[in-house]
């Protein structure tokens, strides 16, 4: 009887497996919306798990080599990993979490960057858009799982066990590397290079590490202790952090270039765009990024009851939700396109609306109106969408005679930002694009030998995970570069 039951069970399992297999063979390709374009996913990835061994010990470190057996190339990675700008080994750390081996899950996440707990709270989650489980229903909550293992380790495991074993490069201790900017890109570069054994110094103009994580994302979304803890996990590798040290003011770039074997520019996009309309010089008109920075550093001032946020990106989301906490009773987004093609993910917009923020679509600011030097209103013009522009999104076109005035006490602009290169001596040979991003080669090196760039410096104002991914590959390129260079100092 037992043998018959086992045969029937085996036959059932075989038939079920055949059904699943043939279902995928004849299944059509499907599309994932993001947000106005369609990403056609590749065929189902059937490669090997990158982490092949089952590690039974709850504290056994993951060896780096176990995670690099497969090439980081299109078609050689699971779709979730390929969609991630940092190529996070999502499928593998999910596998360890499933086995309740949480430390190994964290170590896999930290193979490529140090901010698992931060990203687990604020990442835009491109991996989840590409998750194959979306075919069957909902994608795996990859971002939340990353947060879970990071928080679990913070409570249960000493920091010196968080990371996998990484072999140091021979002679790395002879080389000095300068990282300009202590944000997510700069700290990721420092983390990877210091693990290899290089001597790394980070120059940061603020009194805190974390960059945009600390000064651009408010505490209600990203607790300060999480940022500080994960930044400290970088410093424990011997990274020197020079705080309140602005390159160009406190130290010359030429001195850094002379004394260090390689330089990574990761100072980020910190200069906000202006509106370019009459009246923007009035009191009550705030550059959203700078206002948010003051709020995050505990120096923010309260604002009026009616606030308008111009823009619908991630910074606009944070400005609006902070405005509610800084005195505003009514916060309204004004956006010249529609929410389905906004830079901010839909879940971020929904979170802001859940707190009471309103959205007015297809309107553009024309003029700021004031009285006695302070803003009292904002003149808006209605728009319609036309053909697509260079960004791939429909171009907003003004509708004549549709202007109206919205009463307002404060205006927060959050339309975009650009890097500040005033500290760089351009005579060295740096070359910039029209949008003020740095021109680099395939190895992230600028036109100045030994100077590399990553993050917002290369791609403009983007997300944290994009900056981290850029820094990961730039730092690995720096390590390859130094293997062929003699150190400047012993």
Protein backbone atom coordinates (compact mmCIF):
# COMPACT_ATOMS: atom_id res chain seq x y z
CA UNK A 1 0.00 0.00 0.00
CA UNK A 2 2.83 2.39 0.89
CA UNK A 3 4.63 1.60 -2.37
CA UNK A 4 1.49 2.27 -4.41
CA UNK A 5 0.95 5.61 -2.62
CA UNK A 6 4.55 6.64 -3.36
CA UNK A 7 4.15 5.68 -7.04
CA UNK A 8 0.96 7.74 -7.32
CA UNK A 9 2.56 10.69 -5.60
CA UNK A 10 5.60 10.48 -7.89
CA UNK A 11 3.38 10.26 -10.97
CA UNK A 12 1.41 13.30 -9.82
CA UNK A 13 4.58 15.28 -9.23
CA UNK A 14 5.88 14.31 -12.68
CA UNK A 15 2.65 15.39 -14.40
CA UNK A 16 2.64 18.67 -12.50
CA UNK A 17 6.25 19.33 -13.49
CA UNK A 18 5.47 18.60 -17.14
CA UNK A 19 2.50 20.97 -17.01
CA UNK A 20 4.63 23.79 -15.61
CA UNK A 21 7.42 23.14 -18.11
CA UNK A 22 5.16 23.08 -21.18
CA UNK A 23 3.30 26.09 -19.84
CA UNK A 24 6.47 28.15 -19.86
CA UNK A 25 7.63 26.81 -23.22
CA UNK A 26 4.49 28.03 -24.99
CA UNK A 27 3.90 31.12 -22.87
CA UNK A 28 4.11 34.45 -24.65
CA UNK A 29 6.54 37.17 -23.69
CA UNK A 30 4.98 39.68 -21.34
CA UNK A 31 5.60 43.33 -20.64
CA UNK A 32 6.15 45.23 -17.42
CA UNK A 33 5.04 48.89 -17.37
CA UNK A 34 7.72 51.29 -16.13
CA UNK A 35 6.25 53.92 -16.11
CA UNK A 36 5.33 54.87 -19.70
CA UNK A 37 7.58 52.47 -21.58
CA UNK A 38 7.47 48.71 -21.77
CA UNK A 39 10.40 46.55 -20.77
CA UNK A 40 10.30 43.22 -22.61
CA UNK A 41 11.74 40.64 -20.27
CA UNK A 42 14.13 37.98 -21.58
CA UNK A 43 13.17 34.29 -21.60
CA UNK A 44 12.99 32.61 -18.21
CA UNK A 45 16.47 32.41 -16.68
CA UNK A 46 17.48 28.81 -16.12
CA UNK A 47 21.12 29.26 -15.16
CA UNK A 48 22.75 27.97 -12.00
CA UNK A 49 22.27 29.62 -8.66
CA UNK A 50 25.26 31.88 -8.19
CA UNK A 51 25.70 30.68 -4.61
CA UNK A 52 25.84 26.93 -5.11
CA UNK A 53 26.73 25.57 -1.69
CA UNK A 54 24.25 25.11 1.13
CA UNK A 55 25.98 26.61 4.16
CA UNK A 56 24.68 25.02 7.34
CA UNK A 57 26.52 27.08 9.92
CA UNK A 58 24.50 30.14 10.99
CA UNK A 59 27.65 32.29 11.15
CA UNK A 60 29.79 30.86 8.33
CA UNK A 61 30.94 33.69 6.07
CA UNK A 62 30.10 33.55 2.37
CA UNK A 63 33.20 33.41 0.22
CA UNK A 64 33.40 36.01 -2.54
CA UNK A 65 34.34 33.43 -5.17
CA UNK A 66 31.09 31.57 -4.59
CA UNK A 67 29.22 34.59 -5.90
CA UNK A 68 31.23 35.35 -9.02
CA UNK A 69 31.16 32.02 -10.83
CA UNK A 70 28.66 33.44 -13.32
CA UNK A 71 29.48 36.39 -15.57
CA UNK A 72 27.66 39.68 -14.97
CA UNK A 73 26.38 39.92 -18.53
CA UNK A 74 22.92 40.16 -20.13
CA UNK A 75 21.29 36.76 -20.30
CA UNK A 76 23.71 35.35 -17.70
CA UNK A 77 21.76 36.67 -14.71
CA UNK A 78 18.25 36.25 -13.36
CA UNK A 79 15.97 39.08 -14.59
CA UNK A 80 15.75 40.62 -11.10
CA UNK A 81 19.52 40.81 -10.87
CA UNK A 82 19.88 42.15 -14.39
CA UNK A 83 17.31 44.88 -13.72
CA UNK A 84 19.17 46.08 -10.63
CA UNK A 85 21.74 48.81 -11.46
CA UNK A 86 24.03 47.25 -8.84
CA UNK A 87 23.33 43.67 -10.01
CA UNK A 88 22.38 42.67 -6.49
CA UNK A 89 22.33 38.88 -6.07
CA UNK A 90 18.64 38.93 -5.16
CA UNK A 91 17.76 35.34 -6.00
CA UNK A 92 20.61 34.05 -3.88
CA UNK A 93 19.95 36.08 -0.74
CA UNK A 94 16.26 35.20 -1.00
CA UNK A 95 17.30 31.55 -1.10
CA UNK A 96 19.27 31.92 2.13
CA UNK A 97 16.42 33.77 3.82
CA UNK A 98 14.11 30.94 2.80
CA UNK A 99 16.52 28.54 4.53
CA UNK A 100 16.45 30.84 7.60
CA UNK A 101 20.17 31.50 7.13
CA UNK A 102 19.74 35.23 7.55
CA UNK A 103 23.38 36.17 8.03
CA UNK A 104 24.33 34.56 4.73
CA UNK A 105 21.48 36.46 3.09
CA UNK A 106 22.89 39.73 4.38
CA UNK A 107 26.41 38.81 3.28
CA UNK A 108 25.16 38.16 -0.25
CA UNK A 109 23.44 41.55 -0.28
CA UNK A 110 26.61 43.25 0.97
CA UNK A 111 28.81 41.64 -1.67
CA UNK A 112 28.36 44.75 -3.81
CA UNK A 113 27.48 47.61 -1.42
CA UNK A 114 27.19 48.50 2.29
CA UNK A 115 23.66 50.01 2.51
CA UNK A 116 21.30 47.02 2.68
CA UNK A 117 19.18 48.47 5.50
CA UNK A 118 18.91 51.85 3.76
CA UNK A 119 18.01 50.42 0.38
CA UNK A 120 15.55 48.09 2.05
CA UNK A 121 13.61 51.19 3.02
CA UNK A 122 13.99 53.64 0.12
CA UNK A 123 14.98 51.73 -3.03
CA UNK A 124 12.81 52.22 -6.13
CA UNK A 125 12.88 48.41 -6.58
CA UNK A 126 13.50 47.88 -10.30
CA UNK A 127 14.22 44.25 -9.42
CA UNK A 128 10.60 43.72 -8.42
CA UNK A 129 9.35 45.00 -11.77
CA UNK A 130 11.43 42.27 -13.43
CA UNK A 131 10.59 39.50 -10.93
CA UNK A 132 9.31 36.38 -12.67
CA UNK A 133 6.80 35.76 -9.91
CA UNK A 134 4.89 38.66 -11.40
CA UNK A 135 3.75 36.21 -14.06
CA UNK A 136 1.84 34.27 -11.45
CA UNK A 137 0.60 37.16 -9.33
CA UNK A 138 2.66 39.51 -7.18
CA UNK A 139 6.42 39.95 -7.41
CA UNK A 140 8.58 38.80 -4.50
CA UNK A 141 9.06 41.59 -1.96
CA UNK A 142 12.80 41.72 -2.66
CA UNK A 143 13.28 45.14 -1.10
CA UNK A 144 11.53 44.21 2.16
CA UNK A 145 13.56 41.01 2.41
CA UNK A 146 16.77 43.03 2.12
CA UNK A 147 15.56 45.27 4.93
CA UNK A 148 14.64 42.26 7.05
CA UNK A 149 18.09 40.64 6.97
CA UNK A 150 19.82 43.97 7.61
CA UNK A 151 17.64 44.73 10.62
CA UNK A 152 17.98 41.17 11.90
CA UNK A 153 21.77 41.32 11.71
CA UNK A 154 21.88 44.70 13.44
CA UNK A 155 20.13 43.14 16.43
CA UNK A 156 21.73 39.70 16.48
CA UNK A 157 25.19 39.70 14.88
CA UNK A 158 28.34 41.79 15.51
CA UNK A 159 29.20 44.17 12.68
CA UNK A 160 32.49 42.42 11.92
CA UNK A 161 30.50 39.36 10.75
CA UNK A 162 28.19 41.19 8.34
CA UNK A 163 30.42 40.92 5.29
CA UNK A 164 31.59 38.03 3.14
CA UNK A 165 35.22 37.00 2.97
CA UNK A 166 36.97 39.02 0.25
CA UNK A 167 40.55 38.31 -0.76
CA UNK A 168 42.80 41.37 -0.55
CA UNK A 169 44.72 42.44 -3.62
CA UNK A 170 48.46 41.89 -3.46
CA UNK A 171 50.26 45.11 -2.59
CA UNK A 172 47.02 47.09 -2.24
CA UNK A 173 48.19 48.69 1.00
CA UNK A 174 50.79 50.68 -0.95
CA UNK A 175 48.14 52.66 -2.83
CA UNK A 176 46.14 55.66 -1.61
CA UNK A 177 42.74 56.44 -3.10
CA UNK A 178 40.75 59.65 -2.56
CA UNK A 179 36.97 59.60 -2.73
CA UNK A 180 35.32 63.00 -3.08
CA UNK A 181 31.86 62.75 -1.58
CA UNK A 182 30.64 60.65 1.33
CA UNK A 183 27.24 59.81 -0.15
CA UNK A 184 25.94 56.41 -1.27
CA UNK A 185 28.23 56.35 -4.32
CA UNK A 186 31.35 57.52 -2.51
CA UNK A 187 30.86 55.23 0.47
CA UNK A 188 30.16 52.25 -1.79
CA UNK A 189 33.40 52.90 -3.67
CA UNK A 190 35.30 53.27 -0.40
CA UNK A 191 33.72 50.07 0.94
CA UNK A 192 34.73 47.92 -2.03
CA UNK A 193 38.24 49.34 -2.37
CA UNK A 194 39.00 49.21 1.36
CA UNK A 195 37.91 45.56 1.49
CA UNK A 196 40.48 44.86 -1.20
CA UNK A 197 43.10 46.39 1.09
CA UNK A 198 43.57 49.87 -0.44
CA UNK A 199 44.02 52.91 1.79
CA UNK A 200 40.98 55.09 1.20
CA UNK A 201 40.23 58.65 2.31
CA UNK A 202 36.75 60.15 1.92
CA UNK A 203 36.38 63.93 1.69
CA UNK A 204 32.88 65.03 2.78
CA UNK A 205 31.68 68.64 2.99
CA UNK A 206 28.90 67.83 5.48
CA UNK A 207 29.31 66.93 9.17
CA UNK A 208 27.69 63.54 8.49
CA UNK A 209 28.28 60.61 6.17
CA UNK A 210 25.63 59.23 3.86
CA UNK A 211 25.17 62.19 1.53
CA UNK A 212 21.68 62.17 0.01
CA UNK A 213 20.69 59.32 2.32
CA UNK A 214 21.17 61.65 5.28
CA UNK A 215 20.48 65.12 3.87
CA UNK A 216 17.91 64.29 1.20
CA UNK A 217 15.72 61.60 2.75
CA UNK A 218 13.87 62.61 5.93
CA UNK A 219 14.04 60.59 9.15
CA UNK A 220 10.43 59.40 8.94
CA UNK A 221 11.44 57.41 5.84
CA UNK A 222 15.01 56.48 6.73
CA UNK A 223 16.02 56.44 10.43
CA UNK A 224 19.33 58.14 11.12
CA UNK A 225 20.63 55.22 13.16
CA UNK A 226 20.36 52.93 10.12
CA UNK A 227 22.46 55.30 7.98
CA UNK A 228 25.02 55.82 10.73
CA UNK A 229 25.31 52.11 11.44
CA UNK A 230 25.91 51.14 7.83
CA UNK A 231 28.29 54.04 7.22
CA UNK A 232 30.25 52.87 10.27
CA UNK A 233 30.48 49.42 8.69
CA UNK A 234 32.53 51.06 5.92
CA UNK A 235 34.85 52.92 8.29
CA UNK A 236 35.75 49.74 10.13
CA UNK A 237 37.87 48.73 7.12
CA UNK A 238 40.24 51.58 7.93
CA UNK A 239 38.61 54.19 5.69
CA UNK A 240 39.56 57.71 6.78
CA UNK A 241 36.65 60.16 6.64
CA UNK A 242 37.48 63.87 6.62
CA UNK A 243 34.25 65.56 7.62
CA UNK A 244 33.41 69.24 7.07
CA UNK A 245 36.10 69.21 4.40
CA UNK A 246 34.95 70.77 1.16
CA UNK A 247 37.27 70.22 -1.77
CA UNK A 248 38.06 73.58 -3.33
CA UNK A 249 37.60 75.43 -0.05
CA UNK A 250 39.41 73.43 2.62
CA UNK A 251 41.72 71.49 0.34
CA UNK A 252 42.69 71.95 -3.31
CA UNK A 253 41.87 69.29 -5.86
CA UNK A 254 45.36 69.64 -7.30
CA UNK A 255 46.82 68.63 -3.92
CA UNK A 256 44.62 65.55 -3.83
CA UNK A 257 45.53 64.63 -7.38
CA UNK A 258 49.23 64.99 -6.55
CA UNK A 259 49.16 62.93 -3.36
CA UNK A 260 46.78 60.07 -4.24
CA UNK A 261 47.18 57.23 -6.71
CA UNK A 262 43.57 57.42 -7.87
CA UNK A 263 40.58 59.72 -7.30
CA UNK A 264 36.87 58.85 -7.43
CA UNK A 265 34.54 61.79 -8.03
CA UNK A 266 31.29 60.99 -6.25
CA UNK A 267 30.21 64.41 -5.03
CA UNK A 268 26.70 64.04 -6.43
CA UNK A 269 24.24 66.47 -7.97
CA UNK A 270 23.74 69.11 -5.29
CA UNK A 271 22.88 72.28 -7.25
CA UNK A 272 19.09 72.61 -7.69
CA UNK A 273 17.59 73.90 -10.93
CA UNK A 274 15.79 77.24 -10.82
CA UNK A 275 12.32 77.79 -12.22
CA UNK A 276 13.39 80.53 -14.60
CA UNK A 277 10.14 82.46 -14.12
CA UNK A 278 9.38 85.95 -12.75
CA UNK A 279 9.08 86.19 -8.98
CA UNK A 280 11.11 83.16 -7.98
CA UNK A 281 13.39 85.43 -5.91
CA UNK A 282 10.54 86.20 -3.48
CA UNK A 283 10.64 85.05 0.13
CA UNK A 284 8.76 81.80 0.49
CA UNK A 285 10.14 80.25 -2.70
CA UNK A 286 12.53 77.49 -1.61
CA UNK A 287 14.85 75.25 -3.59
CA UNK A 288 13.42 71.93 -2.44
CA UNK A 289 16.76 70.12 -2.17
CA UNK A 290 18.30 72.83 0.00
CA UNK A 291 15.19 73.18 2.16
CA UNK A 292 15.07 69.41 2.63
CA UNK A 293 18.75 69.38 3.57
CA UNK A 294 18.09 71.87 6.36
CA UNK A 295 15.16 69.80 7.61
CA UNK A 296 17.21 66.59 7.62
CA UNK A 297 20.03 68.28 9.54
CA UNK A 298 17.58 69.59 12.14
CA UNK A 299 17.79 73.22 11.03
CA UNK A 300 14.58 73.44 9.00
CA UNK A 301 12.11 76.28 9.51
CA UNK A 302 8.35 75.96 9.62
CA UNK A 303 6.37 77.05 6.57
CA UNK A 304 2.91 78.47 5.88
CA UNK A 305 -0.42 76.68 5.81
CA UNK A 306 -0.66 76.36 2.02
CA UNK A 307 2.38 74.87 0.28
CA UNK A 308 2.94 73.96 -3.35
CA UNK A 309 5.57 71.49 -4.52
CA UNK A 310 6.64 71.89 -8.14
CA UNK A 311 7.65 68.53 -9.61
CA UNK A 312 6.69 64.90 -9.13
CA UNK A 313 9.96 63.10 -8.51
CA UNK A 314 11.35 61.46 -5.38
CA UNK A 315 12.62 64.77 -3.96
CA UNK A 316 9.18 66.28 -4.49
CA UNK A 317 7.65 63.39 -2.51
CA UNK A 318 9.96 64.01 0.42
CA UNK A 319 9.46 67.78 0.28
CA UNK A 320 5.70 67.40 0.38
CA UNK A 321 5.60 64.94 3.25
CA UNK A 322 8.10 67.02 5.22
CA UNK A 323 6.05 70.15 4.57
CA UNK A 324 3.11 68.50 6.33
CA UNK A 325 5.39 67.92 9.30
CA UNK A 326 6.76 71.47 9.20
CA UNK A 327 3.51 73.39 9.53
CA UNK A 328 1.67 73.09 6.22
CA UNK A 329 -1.99 72.14 6.43
CA UNK A 330 -2.46 71.79 2.67
CA UNK A 331 0.20 70.54 0.27
CA UNK A 332 -0.36 70.37 -3.49
CA UNK A 333 1.88 68.94 -6.21
CA UNK A 334 1.81 70.76 -9.53
CA UNK A 335 3.15 68.75 -12.45
CA UNK A 336 3.22 69.55 -16.14
CA UNK A 337 2.71 65.95 -17.24
CA UNK A 338 0.61 63.13 -15.76
CA UNK A 339 1.32 60.85 -12.83
CA UNK A 340 1.67 57.72 -14.95
CA UNK A 341 4.87 59.14 -16.51
CA UNK A 342 6.19 60.90 -13.40
CA UNK A 343 9.76 60.22 -12.20
CA UNK A 344 8.46 59.06 -8.80
CA UNK A 345 7.16 55.48 -8.58
CA UNK A 346 3.42 55.12 -8.14
CA UNK A 347 3.76 53.71 -4.63
CA UNK A 348 5.60 56.86 -3.54
CA UNK A 349 2.86 59.10 -4.96
CA UNK A 350 0.22 56.96 -3.27
CA UNK A 351 2.03 57.25 0.08
CA UNK A 352 2.07 61.05 -0.22
CA UNK A 353 -1.62 61.12 -1.12
CA UNK A 354 -2.39 58.87 1.84
CA UNK A 355 -0.93 61.56 4.10
CA UNK A 356 -3.18 64.19 2.54
CA UNK A 357 -1.16 65.65 -0.35
CA UNK A 358 -3.05 66.65 -3.49
CA UNK A 359 -1.96 66.50 -7.12
CA UNK A 360 -2.77 68.85 -9.98
CA UNK A 361 -1.64 67.39 -13.30
CA UNK A 362 -0.96 69.07 -16.63
CA UNK A 363 -0.14 72.52 -15.27
CA UNK A 364 3.11 74.51 -15.44
CA UNK A 365 4.20 77.49 -13.29
CA UNK A 366 4.33 80.77 -15.22
CA UNK A 367 4.85 83.43 -12.56
CA UNK A 368 5.22 83.76 -8.79
CA UNK A 369 3.01 86.47 -7.31
CA UNK A 370 4.00 88.29 -4.14
CA UNK A 371 3.17 91.09 -1.77
CA UNK A 372 5.65 92.98 0.42
CA UNK A 373 8.43 90.69 -0.78
CA UNK A 374 6.69 87.41 0.14
CA UNK A 375 4.94 84.93 -2.10
CA UNK A 376 1.12 84.99 -2.09
CA UNK A 377 0.23 83.03 -5.19
CA UNK A 378 1.42 81.01 -8.15
CA UNK A 379 0.18 81.58 -11.69
CA UNK A 380 -0.29 78.30 -13.54
CA UNK A 381 -1.00 77.47 -17.17
CA UNK A 382 -2.80 74.33 -18.23
CA UNK A 383 -0.98 71.95 -20.56
CA UNK A 384 -1.74 69.12 -22.95
CA UNK A 385 0.57 66.30 -23.97
CA UNK A 386 2.06 66.25 -27.46
CA UNK A 387 4.76 64.25 -29.19
CA UNK A 388 7.55 62.63 -27.24
CA UNK A 389 10.67 64.64 -26.48
CA UNK A 390 14.29 63.52 -26.07
CA UNK A 391 13.46 61.91 -22.71
CA UNK A 392 10.94 59.61 -24.37
CA UNK A 393 8.01 61.21 -22.58
CA UNK A 394 5.19 63.23 -24.16
CA UNK A 395 6.08 66.89 -24.49
CA UNK A 396 3.78 69.23 -22.47
CA UNK A 397 2.27 71.93 -24.69
CA UNK A 398 0.72 75.13 -23.24
CA UNK A 399 -2.99 75.76 -23.75
CA UNK A 400 -3.49 79.47 -24.59
CA UNK A 401 -5.81 81.41 -22.33
CA UNK A 402 -5.89 78.73 -19.62
CA UNK A 403 -3.92 80.62 -16.95
CA UNK A 404 -5.17 80.81 -13.37
CA UNK A 405 -3.77 81.74 -9.96
CA UNK A 406 -3.39 79.37 -7.02
CA UNK A 407 -3.12 81.02 -3.56
CA UNK A 408 -0.04 79.79 -1.73
CA UNK A 409 2.13 80.65 1.29
CA UNK A 410 5.27 78.71 0.34
CA UNK A 411 6.62 77.11 -2.83
CA UNK A 412 9.09 74.21 -2.88
CA UNK A 413 10.81 73.58 -6.20
CA UNK A 414 11.91 70.02 -6.91
CA UNK A 415 12.45 69.79 -10.65
CA UNK A 416 16.03 68.46 -10.80
CA UNK A 417 19.62 69.23 -9.84
CA UNK A 418 23.12 69.07 -11.29
CA UNK A 419 26.68 68.47 -10.00
CA UNK A 420 28.94 71.27 -8.83
CA UNK A 421 32.35 71.21 -10.49
CA UNK A 422 33.63 74.58 -9.29
CA UNK A 423 36.43 72.80 -7.37
CA UNK A 424 37.84 71.11 -10.48
CA UNK A 425 40.63 72.83 -12.46
CA UNK A 426 39.19 72.24 -15.93
CA UNK A 427 42.60 72.97 -17.45
CA UNK A 428 43.57 69.45 -16.38
CA UNK A 429 41.40 68.19 -19.21
CA UNK A 430 38.02 67.27 -17.72
CA UNK A 431 35.25 67.17 -20.31
CA UNK A 432 31.57 67.70 -19.58
CA UNK A 433 28.37 67.11 -21.50
CA UNK A 434 25.83 69.85 -22.05
CA UNK A 435 23.88 68.67 -18.99
CA UNK A 436 27.05 69.01 -16.88
CA UNK A 437 27.64 65.30 -16.43
CA UNK A 438 31.19 64.02 -16.69
CA UNK A 439 32.38 62.24 -19.83
CA UNK A 440 34.03 58.93 -18.88
CA UNK A 441 35.23 55.89 -20.77
CA UNK A 442 33.99 52.31 -20.41
CA UNK A 443 36.03 52.02 -17.19
CA UNK A 444 34.54 55.18 -15.65
CA UNK A 445 37.80 57.09 -16.08
CA UNK A 446 37.60 60.75 -17.04
CA UNK A 447 39.90 62.39 -19.56
CA UNK A 448 42.31 62.99 -16.66
CA UNK A 449 44.37 59.82 -16.02
CA UNK A 450 43.67 58.28 -12.62
CA UNK A 451 40.50 60.31 -11.99
CA UNK A 452 37.28 58.31 -12.12
CA UNK A 453 33.66 59.42 -11.75
CA UNK A 454 30.45 57.66 -10.76
CA UNK A 455 26.87 58.29 -9.75
CA UNK A 456 25.20 61.63 -10.43
CA UNK A 457 28.47 62.93 -11.86
CA UNK A 458 28.04 60.55 -14.80
CA UNK A 459 24.30 59.96 -15.22
CA UNK A 460 22.82 63.09 -13.66
CA UNK A 461 20.39 63.17 -10.74
CA UNK A 462 19.25 59.58 -10.43
CA UNK A 463 18.18 57.16 -7.70
CA UNK A 464 20.33 55.87 -4.85
CA UNK A 465 20.58 52.39 -6.33
CA UNK A 466 21.80 53.81 -9.66
CA UNK A 467 24.53 55.79 -7.86
CA UNK A 468 25.55 52.71 -5.87
CA UNK A 469 25.72 50.54 -8.97
CA UNK A 470 27.86 53.11 -10.75
CA UNK A 471 30.24 53.28 -7.81
CA UNK A 472 30.53 49.51 -7.60
CA UNK A 473 31.75 49.15 -11.16
CA UNK A 474 33.88 52.31 -11.02
CA UNK A 475 35.69 51.09 -7.90
CA UNK A 476 36.40 47.73 -9.49
CA UNK A 477 37.79 49.62 -12.51
CA UNK A 478 40.04 51.62 -10.16
CA UNK A 479 41.41 48.40 -8.71
CA UNK A 480 42.21 47.12 -12.21
CA UNK A 481 43.84 50.45 -13.10
CA UNK A 482 46.11 50.44 -10.05
CA UNK A 483 47.47 46.99 -10.87
CA UNK A 484 49.34 48.57 -13.75
CA UNK A 485 50.49 51.69 -11.90
CA UNK A 486 53.41 52.25 -9.55
CA UNK A 487 52.31 53.80 -6.22
CA UNK A 488 53.06 57.51 -5.76
CA UNK A 489 54.20 56.88 -2.19
CA UNK A 490 55.23 53.82 -0.27
